[in-house]
Amino acid sequence: MCERVRYFICGVLLAGSASAVQAEGPMNTGTYSISGSVSYSNNEQASFSQSTGNITLKEKSIRLFPGFMYFVQPELAIGASLQYAKTSGDVTGLDTIGLGPVVRYYFLTEDMYPFIEGEYIYSQSKTDDGFESNVRTATVGLGMDYFLARNVAIEPMLTYSDSSFHLTGGGTSADLDASGIVFRIGINVFVY
């Protein structure tokens, strides 16, 4: 088993090296993008439960978003995004971990690198008091890469997210919907 993993890693590195040679710049075919960003949000959630009726909850959340993308053609990258979120609210705290696809398109100009991004994250959450939920989050965002070096950029991004939760535990269940505008800031490293 360990030898299979070693061969797999070597194969991935060789394939990555071969395709990276094709890339001529940070937004060209064959470039890899390794990124990480952080966001802070302040949301209100409306929910309905048969046992509690309509309620509105306020929450504050910090999220970490490591990601990996590959440019399949100039200016168009696809990949995967991870999410870790720590949320505190009126009733309880919430830990969330998720994974999903991401697509990004750059509108290249002479000195600026604006982009639009879409991602869909499926995640699992658990509250401090033992409730669990499945979460689906669709996000669209606008951002800009500001290059600090040839292949390293700071990346501010403004996003709109819409999430659906199905929360279960303690003999009850609730469906929650949350949406909001979130500002992220991150670092993006282009490997070409």
Protein backbone atom coordinates (compact mmCIF):
# COMPACT_ATOMS: atom_id res chain seq x y z
CA MET A 1 0.00 0.00 0.00
CA CYS A 2 2.75 2.47 0.94
CA GLU A 3 4.60 1.73 -2.31
CA ARG A 4 1.42 2.40 -4.33
CA VAL A 5 1.07 5.79 -2.66
CA ARG A 6 4.71 6.60 -3.49
CA TYR A 7 4.17 5.68 -7.17
CA PHE A 8 0.98 7.74 -7.29
CA ILE A 9 2.71 10.81 -5.84
CA CYS A 10 5.63 10.44 -8.28
CA GLY A 11 3.17 10.15 -11.19
CA VAL A 12 1.30 13.27 -10.13
CA LEU A 13 4.55 15.23 -9.79
CA LEU A 14 5.80 14.11 -13.20
CA ALA A 15 2.48 14.93 -14.88
CA GLY A 16 2.44 18.30 -13.15
CA SER A 17 6.00 19.03 -14.25
CA ALA A 18 5.21 18.14 -17.87
CA SER A 19 2.08 20.28 -18.03
CA ALA A 20 3.66 23.19 -16.16
CA VAL A 21 6.36 23.37 -18.83
CA GLN A 22 3.62 24.28 -21.33
CA ALA A 23 2.56 27.32 -19.30
CA GLU A 24 4.13 30.64 -20.26
CA GLY A 25 2.52 32.86 -17.65
CA PRO A 26 0.31 32.86 -14.57
CA MET A 27 -3.03 32.70 -16.45
CA ASN A 28 -2.08 30.32 -19.29
CA THR A 29 -2.96 26.70 -19.98
CA GLY A 30 -0.96 24.34 -17.79
CA THR A 31 -0.55 26.70 -14.82
CA TYR A 32 -1.45 25.51 -11.33
CA SER A 33 -2.86 27.86 -8.72
CA ILE A 34 -2.51 27.13 -5.01
CA SER A 35 -4.41 29.57 -2.86
CA GLY A 36 -5.70 30.28 0.58
CA SER A 37 -8.08 32.92 1.83
CA VAL A 38 -9.87 33.91 5.00
CA SER A 39 -13.21 35.63 5.53
CA TYR A 40 -15.28 37.01 8.37
CA SER A 41 -19.04 37.33 8.16
CA ASN A 42 -21.97 38.50 10.23
CA ASN A 43 -25.29 36.88 9.14
CA GLU A 44 -28.89 36.45 10.11
CA GLN A 45 -30.62 33.09 9.59
CA ALA A 46 -34.33 32.53 9.31
CA SER A 47 -35.55 29.05 10.15
CA PHE A 48 -38.69 27.06 10.69
CA SER A 49 -39.08 24.08 12.96
CA GLN A 50 -42.29 22.34 13.93
CA SER A 51 -41.29 22.55 17.57
CA THR A 52 -40.10 26.19 17.68
CA GLY A 53 -41.92 27.93 14.79
CA ASN A 54 -40.23 30.80 12.93
CA ILE A 55 -37.04 32.12 14.48
CA THR A 56 -34.20 34.38 13.37
CA LEU A 57 -30.66 33.69 14.56
CA LYS A 58 -27.64 35.99 14.38
CA GLU A 59 -24.19 34.51 13.85
CA LYS A 60 -20.58 35.52 13.34
CA SER A 61 -18.28 33.30 11.34
CA ILE A 62 -14.65 32.99 10.32
CA ARG A 63 -13.86 30.79 7.33
CA LEU A 64 -10.65 29.42 5.85
CA PHE A 65 -10.57 28.49 2.15
CA PRO A 66 -7.51 26.61 0.86
CA GLY A 67 -7.83 25.79 -2.83
CA PHE A 68 -6.18 24.26 -5.87
CA MET A 69 -6.91 25.13 -9.51
CA TYR A 70 -5.56 24.22 -12.94
CA PHE A 71 -5.81 26.43 -16.03
CA VAL A 72 -7.50 24.31 -18.69
CA GLN A 73 -7.22 27.15 -21.19
CA PRO A 74 -5.88 30.70 -20.96
CA GLU A 75 -7.77 32.68 -18.29
CA LEU A 76 -10.04 29.72 -17.30
CA ALA A 77 -9.19 27.64 -14.23
CA ILE A 78 -11.07 24.77 -12.58
CA GLY A 79 -10.29 23.05 -9.33
CA ALA A 80 -11.36 22.27 -5.81
CA SER A 81 -11.92 24.40 -2.76
CA LEU A 82 -11.86 23.30 0.84
CA GLN A 83 -13.70 25.13 3.57
CA TYR A 84 -13.32 25.23 7.31
CA ALA A 85 -15.68 27.48 9.25
CA LYS A 86 -16.00 28.29 12.94
CA THR A 87 -19.28 30.00 13.76
CA SER A 88 -20.61 31.44 17.01
CA GLY A 89 -24.17 32.55 17.39
CA ASP A 90 -27.11 33.34 19.64
CA VAL A 91 -27.80 29.70 20.48
CA THR A 92 -24.66 27.60 19.88
CA GLY A 93 -21.33 27.35 18.07
CA LEU A 94 -20.83 25.48 14.81
CA ASP A 95 -17.83 23.78 13.18
CA THR A 96 -18.04 23.11 9.44
CA ILE A 97 -15.71 21.31 7.03
CA GLY A 98 -16.44 20.97 3.31
CA LEU A 99 -15.19 20.39 -0.21
CA GLY A 100 -16.42 21.32 -3.66
CA PRO A 101 -15.64 22.40 -7.21
CA VAL A 102 -14.57 25.91 -8.17
CA VAL A 103 -14.44 27.65 -11.56
CA ARG A 104 -12.67 30.95 -12.17
CA TYR A 105 -12.41 33.15 -15.25
CA TYR A 106 -9.91 36.03 -15.53
CA PHE A 107 -10.58 39.17 -17.57
CA LEU A 108 -7.03 40.10 -18.45
CA THR A 109 -6.09 43.71 -18.96
CA GLU A 110 -2.63 45.17 -19.32
CA ASP A 111 -1.83 45.68 -15.63
CA MET A 112 -4.81 44.24 -13.76
CA TYR A 113 -6.13 40.70 -13.22
CA PRO A 114 -9.85 40.85 -12.28
CA PHE A 115 -11.82 37.60 -12.13
CA ILE A 116 -15.23 36.09 -11.51
CA GLU A 117 -15.54 32.85 -9.55
CA GLY A 118 -18.22 30.32 -8.78
CA GLU A 119 -18.04 27.49 -6.26
CA TYR A 120 -20.34 24.91 -4.74
CA ILE A 121 -19.34 23.49 -1.36
CA TYR A 122 -20.90 20.44 0.27
CA SER A 123 -20.02 20.33 3.94
CA GLN A 124 -20.77 18.64 7.24
CA SER A 125 -21.38 20.68 10.37
CA LYS A 126 -21.61 19.90 14.06
CA THR A 127 -22.82 22.24 16.79
CA ASP A 128 -21.39 22.57 20.28
CA ASP A 129 -24.52 20.93 21.69
CA GLY A 130 -24.41 17.84 19.44
CA PHE A 131 -26.62 18.78 16.49
CA GLU A 132 -25.36 17.80 13.03
CA SER A 133 -26.17 19.16 9.60
CA ASN A 134 -25.47 18.75 5.91
CA VAL A 135 -24.77 22.10 4.29
CA ARG A 136 -24.83 23.09 0.63
CA THR A 137 -23.36 26.48 -0.25
CA ALA A 138 -23.34 28.16 -3.67
CA THR A 139 -21.05 31.17 -3.98
CA VAL A 140 -20.29 33.69 -6.72
CA GLY A 141 -17.54 36.24 -6.32
CA LEU A 142 -15.64 39.06 -7.95
CA GLY A 143 -12.00 39.62 -7.15
CA MET A 144 -8.65 40.90 -8.30
CA ASP A 145 -5.14 39.45 -8.23
CA TYR A 146 -2.48 42.03 -7.29
CA PHE A 147 0.93 40.53 -8.03
CA LEU A 148 3.62 41.01 -5.39
CA ALA A 149 6.10 38.91 -7.35
CA ARG A 150 6.14 37.11 -10.71
CA ASN A 151 3.94 34.27 -9.42
CA VAL A 152 2.55 35.45 -6.04
CA ALA A 153 -0.57 37.60 -5.76
CA ILE A 154 -2.70 39.10 -2.99
CA GLU A 155 -6.33 38.40 -3.73
CA PRO A 156 -9.21 40.46 -2.32
CA MET A 157 -12.63 39.10 -3.29
CA LEU A 158 -16.24 40.06 -2.61
CA THR A 159 -18.64 37.10 -2.63
CA TYR A 160 -22.33 36.37 -2.31
CA SER A 161 -23.16 33.02 -0.71
CA ASP A 162 -26.43 31.15 -0.33
CA SER A 163 -26.48 28.15 2.03
CA SER A 164 -29.06 25.52 2.93
CA PHE A 165 -28.75 23.49 6.14
CA HIS A 166 -30.71 20.49 7.35
CA LEU A 167 -30.04 20.33 11.09
CA THR A 168 -30.85 17.22 13.16
CA GLY A 169 -30.28 16.18 16.75
CA GLY A 170 -31.89 16.10 20.15
CA GLY A 171 -35.04 14.53 18.72
CA THR A 172 -35.81 17.55 16.51
CA SER A 173 -34.91 18.85 13.07
CA ALA A 174 -34.82 22.23 11.39
CA ASP A 175 -34.17 23.56 7.92
CA LEU A 176 -32.09 26.72 7.83
CA ASP A 177 -31.24 29.06 4.99
CA ALA A 178 -28.49 31.65 5.18
CA SER A 179 -27.19 34.12 2.65
CA GLY A 180 -24.88 37.05 2.75
CA ILE A 181 -22.13 39.11 1.24
CA VAL A 182 -18.65 38.18 2.40
CA PHE A 183 -15.27 39.83 1.86
CA ARG A 184 -12.31 37.45 1.55
CA ILE A 185 -8.62 38.21 1.41
CA GLY A 186 -6.06 35.65 0.37
CA ILE A 187 -2.78 34.72 -1.25
CA ASN A 188 -2.53 32.95 -4.61
CA VAL A 189 0.64 31.21 -5.84
CA PHE A 190 0.87 30.36 -9.54
CA VAL A 191 3.11 27.45 -10.49
CA TYR A 192 4.20 27.54 -14.14
